[in-house]
Amino acid sequence: MSNDLEEMARCEQLAEKVYDEIYETRYPAGLFSDLKEYFALAIAAADRAGRPDEAQRLRQRLAHCSAVYRSQFS
């Protein structure tokens, strides 16, 4: 379980890093794909760790990031 929580945290950090990088590139679509993948991995790790609260928080963050991306880059 500890490894799953570490994986969740690592993937969430990577997703947030990519989210910041989206604003620095001319081609955000590839980065947005990476962001979604990292959040999916973090959510899966939270589920495996038995942390539905964390999984839900991450789903909400992904939804927010997706809405921002669509409004600013689509």
Protein backbone atom coordinates (compact mmCIF):
# COMPACT_ATOMS: atom_id res chain seq x y z
CA MET A 1 0.00 0.00 0.00
CA SER A 2 2.82 2.39 0.81
CA ASN A 3 4.26 1.88 -2.66
CA ASP A 4 0.90 2.73 -4.20
CA LEU A 5 0.72 5.97 -2.22
CA GLU A 6 4.25 6.85 -3.28
CA GLU A 7 3.32 6.11 -6.90
CA MET A 8 0.20 8.25 -6.54
CA ALA A 9 2.22 11.17 -5.22
CA ARG A 10 4.92 10.78 -7.89
CA CYS A 11 2.39 10.68 -10.73
CA GLU A 12 0.45 13.62 -9.31
CA GLN A 13 3.66 15.67 -9.14
CA LEU A 14 4.45 14.78 -12.75
CA ALA A 15 0.93 15.75 -13.83
CA GLU A 16 1.21 19.12 -12.08
CA LYS A 17 4.63 19.72 -13.64
CA VAL A 18 3.21 19.00 -17.10
CA TYR A 19 0.25 21.30 -16.35
CA ASP A 20 2.71 24.14 -15.73
CA GLU A 21 4.66 23.28 -18.88
CA ILE A 22 1.53 23.48 -21.05
CA TYR A 23 1.69 27.26 -20.71
CA GLU A 24 5.30 27.34 -21.90
CA THR A 25 4.93 25.45 -25.18
CA ARG A 26 3.55 26.16 -28.61
CA TYR A 27 2.17 22.62 -28.90
CA PRO A 28 0.20 21.83 -25.75
CA ALA A 29 -1.77 18.85 -27.11
CA GLY A 30 1.01 16.32 -26.49
CA LEU A 31 1.58 17.62 -23.00
CA PHE A 32 -2.13 17.49 -22.26
CA SER A 33 -2.10 13.83 -23.24
CA ASP A 34 0.76 13.27 -20.79
CA LEU A 35 -1.13 15.15 -18.08
CA LYS A 36 -4.18 12.90 -18.50
CA GLU A 37 -2.00 9.79 -18.40
CA TYR A 38 -0.22 10.85 -15.20
CA PHE A 39 -3.50 11.64 -13.49
CA ALA A 40 -4.92 8.27 -14.62
CA LEU A 41 -1.90 6.51 -13.12
CA ALA A 42 -2.23 8.50 -9.89
CA ILE A 43 -5.95 7.69 -9.66
CA ALA A 44 -5.27 3.99 -10.25
CA ALA A 45 -2.60 4.00 -7.53
CA ALA A 46 -5.00 5.70 -5.10
CA ASP A 47 -7.62 3.06 -5.89
CA ARG A 48 -5.11 0.25 -5.32
CA ALA A 49 -4.11 1.84 -2.01
CA GLY A 50 -7.73 1.83 -0.88
CA ARG A 51 -7.94 5.63 -0.83
CA PRO A 52 -11.20 6.57 -2.58
CA ASP A 53 -10.95 10.07 -1.10
CA GLU A 54 -7.62 10.66 -2.85
CA ALA A 55 -8.88 9.09 -6.07
CA GLN A 56 -11.88 11.44 -6.05
CA ARG A 57 -9.67 14.47 -5.32
CA LEU A 58 -7.45 13.54 -8.25
CA ARG A 59 -10.46 13.04 -10.55
CA GLN A 60 -11.68 16.51 -9.61
CA ARG A 61 -8.26 18.01 -10.28
CA LEU A 62 -8.11 16.27 -13.66
CA ALA A 63 -11.57 17.61 -14.50
CA HIS A 64 -10.44 21.12 -13.55
CA CYS A 65 -7.24 20.87 -15.60
CA SER A 66 -9.23 19.54 -18.56
CA ALA A 67 -11.74 22.38 -18.36
CA VAL A 68 -8.96 24.97 -18.22
CA TYR A 69 -7.17 23.34 -21.15
CA ARG A 70 -10.34 23.28 -23.26
CA SER A 71 -11.13 26.90 -22.49
CA GLN A 72 -7.62 28.21 -23.19
CA PHE A 73 -6.17 25.93 -25.85
CA SER A 74 -9.06 24.52 -27.89
